[in-house]
Amino acid sequence: MTYTDSENATICMGALVKAVGIVNAERFIAYMNRESGDYTLARRKVFDDMTAEELDDGIREYEESNPQLFETFKGRTLE
């Protein structure tokens, strides 16, 4: 299905707020506005120098320290 830009923004913002809460959603948007707006490029700046093992360790540590966030996504698939 194709959405208008306005519909897409509303749907995506709703999903973001549901996943991380309004405060973290706003923080994410502010962060992206400070960066180039290219999320992939912004992430490359953070992760390009990490080994796969360092990245995996970081993910596990973050998951353990934020169980409520990951509980939200258990059993879900991207559609």
N, C-alpha and C. Protein backbone atom coordinates (compact mmCIF):
# COMPACT_ATOMS: atom_id res chain seq x y z
N MET A 1 0.84 -1.17 0.00
CA MET A 1 0.00 0.00 0.00
C MET A 1 0.89 1.24 0.00
N THR A 2 0.50 2.25 -0.72
CA THR A 2 1.23 3.51 -0.78
C THR A 2 0.46 4.56 0.00
N TYR A 3 1.19 5.30 0.83
CA TYR A 3 0.58 6.34 1.64
C TYR A 3 1.06 7.71 1.17
N THR A 4 0.28 8.73 1.47
CA THR A 4 0.76 10.09 1.24
C THR A 4 1.88 10.36 2.24
N ASP A 5 2.66 11.41 2.02
CA ASP A 5 3.72 11.76 2.95
C ASP A 5 3.16 12.01 4.35
N SER A 6 2.04 12.68 4.42
CA SER A 6 1.41 12.98 5.70
C SER A 6 0.95 11.71 6.42
N GLU A 7 0.31 10.81 5.67
CA GLU A 7 -0.12 9.53 6.27
C GLU A 7 1.08 8.72 6.73
N ASN A 8 2.12 8.68 5.91
CA ASN A 8 3.31 7.93 6.25
C ASN A 8 3.95 8.48 7.52
N ALA A 9 4.05 9.81 7.62
CA ALA A 9 4.64 10.43 8.81
C ALA A 9 3.82 10.10 10.06
N THR A 10 2.51 10.13 9.94
CA THR A 10 1.64 9.82 11.08
C THR A 10 1.80 8.37 11.51
N ILE A 11 1.80 7.46 10.57
CA ILE A 11 1.95 6.03 10.87
C ILE A 11 3.31 5.75 11.49
N CYS A 12 4.35 6.29 10.88
CA CYS A 12 5.71 6.03 11.38
C CYS A 12 5.94 6.65 12.75
N MET A 13 5.46 7.85 12.96
CA MET A 13 5.62 8.49 14.27
C MET A 13 4.86 7.70 15.33
N GLY A 14 3.67 7.22 14.99
CA GLY A 14 2.90 6.41 15.94
C GLY A 14 3.63 5.13 16.30
N ALA A 15 4.23 4.49 15.32
CA ALA A 15 4.99 3.26 15.58
C ALA A 15 6.21 3.55 16.43
N LEU A 16 6.89 4.65 16.15
CA LEU A 16 8.08 5.03 16.92
C LEU A 16 7.71 5.33 18.37
N VAL A 17 6.66 6.10 18.57
CA VAL A 17 6.21 6.42 19.94
C VAL A 17 5.79 5.16 20.68
N LYS A 18 5.09 4.27 20.01
CA LYS A 18 4.66 3.03 20.64
C LYS A 18 5.86 2.17 21.05
N ALA A 19 6.90 2.17 20.22
CA ALA A 19 8.07 1.33 20.48
C ALA A 19 8.96 1.89 21.58
N VAL A 20 9.19 3.22 21.57
CA VAL A 20 10.18 3.77 22.50
C VAL A 20 9.66 4.86 23.42
N GLY A 21 8.41 5.26 23.25
CA GLY A 21 7.84 6.32 24.08
C GLY A 21 8.07 7.68 23.44
N ILE A 22 7.28 8.66 23.86
CA ILE A 22 7.30 9.98 23.23
C ILE A 22 8.63 10.70 23.44
N VAL A 23 9.21 10.59 24.62
CA VAL A 23 10.47 11.30 24.90
C VAL A 23 11.59 10.77 24.01
N ASN A 24 11.73 9.45 23.94
CA ASN A 24 12.79 8.88 23.11
C ASN A 24 12.52 9.08 21.62
N ALA A 25 11.25 9.10 21.23
CA ALA A 25 10.92 9.38 19.84
C ALA A 25 11.36 10.80 19.48
N GLU A 26 11.09 11.75 20.36
CA GLU A 26 11.51 13.13 20.13
C GLU A 26 13.03 13.25 20.10
N ARG A 27 13.71 12.52 20.99
CA ARG A 27 15.17 12.53 21.00
C ARG A 27 15.72 12.00 19.68
N PHE A 28 15.10 10.92 19.16
CA PHE A 28 15.54 10.35 17.89
C PHE A 28 15.37 11.36 16.76
N ILE A 29 14.24 12.02 16.72
CA ILE A 29 13.98 12.99 15.66
C ILE A 29 14.96 14.17 15.76
N ALA A 30 15.22 14.65 16.98
CA ALA A 30 16.18 15.73 17.16
C ALA A 30 17.57 15.29 16.71
N TYR A 31 17.95 14.06 17.04
CA TYR A 31 19.24 13.52 16.62
C TYR A 31 19.33 13.48 15.11
N MET A 32 18.30 12.98 14.46
CA MET A 32 18.33 12.87 13.00
C MET A 32 18.36 14.24 12.34
N ASN A 33 17.72 15.23 12.96
CA ASN A 33 17.77 16.58 12.40
C ASN A 33 19.16 17.20 12.52
N ARG A 34 19.90 16.83 13.57
CA ARG A 34 21.27 17.32 13.73
C ARG A 34 22.21 16.65 12.73
N GLU A 35 21.91 15.40 12.40
CA GLU A 35 22.73 14.65 11.44
C GLU A 35 22.29 15.01 10.03
N SER A 36 22.74 14.26 9.09
CA SER A 36 22.44 14.53 7.69
C SER A 36 21.00 14.21 7.31
N GLY A 37 20.30 13.51 8.21
CA GLY A 37 18.97 13.02 7.87
C GLY A 37 19.03 11.63 7.26
N ASP A 38 20.23 11.18 7.02
CA ASP A 38 20.46 9.85 6.45
C ASP A 38 20.81 8.91 7.59
N TYR A 39 19.81 8.15 8.05
CA TYR A 39 20.01 7.28 9.21
C TYR A 39 21.12 6.26 8.97
N THR A 40 21.19 5.73 7.76
CA THR A 40 22.22 4.73 7.44
C THR A 40 23.62 5.34 7.58
N LEU A 41 23.80 6.52 7.04
CA LEU A 41 25.09 7.21 7.14
C LEU A 41 25.42 7.52 8.61
N ALA A 42 24.45 7.96 9.36
CA ALA A 42 24.67 8.27 10.78
C ALA A 42 25.10 7.02 11.54
N ARG A 43 24.47 5.89 11.26
CA ARG A 43 24.83 4.64 11.93
C ARG A 43 26.22 4.17 11.51
N ARG A 44 26.57 4.39 10.26
CA ARG A 44 27.91 3.98 9.80
C ARG A 44 28.98 4.72 10.57
N LYS A 45 28.74 5.99 10.89
CA LYS A 45 29.70 6.77 11.67
C LYS A 45 29.93 6.13 13.03
N VAL A 46 28.91 5.55 13.58
CA VAL A 46 29.00 4.94 14.91
C VAL A 46 29.60 3.54 14.84
N PHE A 47 29.19 2.75 13.87
CA PHE A 47 29.50 1.32 13.88
C PHE A 47 30.59 0.84 12.92
N ASP A 48 31.04 1.66 12.00
CA ASP A 48 32.00 1.19 11.00
C ASP A 48 33.30 0.64 11.58
N ASP A 49 33.77 1.19 12.67
CA ASP A 49 35.04 0.75 13.24
C ASP A 49 34.89 -0.39 14.25
N MET A 50 33.68 -0.90 14.44
CA MET A 50 33.46 -1.98 15.39
C MET A 50 33.58 -3.34 14.71
N THR A 51 34.08 -4.30 15.46
CA THR A 51 34.08 -5.67 14.96
C THR A 51 32.69 -6.25 15.16
N ALA A 52 32.40 -7.35 14.51
CA ALA A 52 31.11 -8.02 14.69
C ALA A 52 30.93 -8.44 16.15
N GLU A 53 32.01 -8.89 16.78
CA GLU A 53 31.93 -9.31 18.18
C GLU A 53 31.63 -8.12 19.09
N GLU A 54 32.24 -6.99 18.85
CA GLU A 54 31.97 -5.79 19.66
C GLU A 54 30.52 -5.34 19.49
N LEU A 55 30.05 -5.39 18.28
CA LEU A 55 28.66 -5.01 18.01
C LEU A 55 27.70 -5.97 18.71
N ASP A 56 27.96 -7.27 18.61
CA ASP A 56 27.13 -8.27 19.26
C ASP A 56 27.13 -8.07 20.78
N ASP A 57 28.30 -7.83 21.35
CA ASP A 57 28.39 -7.59 22.80
C ASP A 57 27.59 -6.36 23.20
N GLY A 58 27.69 -5.30 22.40
CA GLY A 58 26.95 -4.08 22.68
C GLY A 58 25.44 -4.27 22.61
N ILE A 59 25.00 -5.04 21.64
CA ILE A 59 23.56 -5.33 21.50
C ILE A 59 23.07 -6.12 22.71
N ARG A 60 23.81 -7.13 23.10
CA ARG A 60 23.43 -7.95 24.26
C ARG A 60 23.38 -7.12 25.54
N GLU A 61 24.39 -6.26 25.72
CA GLU A 61 24.43 -5.41 26.91
C GLU A 61 23.25 -4.45 26.93
N TYR A 62 22.94 -3.86 25.77
CA TYR A 62 21.81 -2.94 25.69
C TYR A 62 20.50 -3.67 25.95
N GLU A 63 20.35 -4.85 25.39
CA GLU A 63 19.13 -5.63 25.59
C GLU A 63 18.95 -5.98 27.07
N GLU A 64 20.03 -6.36 27.73
CA GLU A 64 19.94 -6.72 29.14
C GLU A 64 19.61 -5.52 30.01
N SER A 65 20.07 -4.33 29.62
CA SER A 65 19.80 -3.14 30.43
C SER A 65 18.48 -2.46 30.07
N ASN A 66 17.80 -2.92 29.01
CA ASN A 66 16.53 -2.35 28.57
C ASN A 66 15.52 -3.45 28.24
N PRO A 67 15.24 -4.35 29.19
CA PRO A 67 14.37 -5.49 28.86
C PRO A 67 12.96 -5.08 28.45
N GLN A 68 12.45 -3.96 28.99
CA GLN A 68 11.09 -3.54 28.65
C GLN A 68 10.98 -3.18 27.17
N LEU A 69 12.02 -2.60 26.61
CA LEU A 69 12.00 -2.25 25.20
C LEU A 69 11.96 -3.49 24.33
N PHE A 70 12.77 -4.47 24.65
CA PHE A 70 12.84 -5.67 23.83
C PHE A 70 11.63 -6.57 24.04
N GLU A 71 11.00 -6.48 25.18
CA GLU A 71 9.78 -7.24 25.43
C GLU A 71 8.69 -6.81 24.43
N THR A 72 8.70 -5.54 24.07
CA THR A 72 7.73 -5.00 23.11
C THR A 72 7.81 -5.72 21.77
N PHE A 73 9.01 -6.14 21.37
CA PHE A 73 9.21 -6.70 20.04
C PHE A 73 9.26 -8.22 20.00
N LYS A 74 9.22 -8.89 21.13
CA LYS A 74 9.30 -10.36 21.12
C LYS A 74 8.17 -10.97 20.32
N GLY A 75 8.52 -11.86 19.44
CA GLY A 75 7.52 -12.57 18.65
C GLY A 75 6.97 -11.80 17.47
N ARG A 76 7.40 -10.57 17.29
CA ARG A 76 6.90 -9.77 16.16
C ARG A 76 7.79 -9.96 14.95
N THR A 77 7.20 -9.81 13.79
CA THR A 77 7.96 -9.84 12.54
C THR A 77 7.69 -8.54 11.80
N LEU A 78 8.59 -8.17 10.92
CA LEU A 78 8.38 -6.99 10.10
C LEU A 78 7.45 -7.34 8.95
N GLU A 79 6.49 -6.53 8.74
CA GLU A 79 5.55 -6.76 7.63
C GLU A 79 5.46 -5.56 6.75
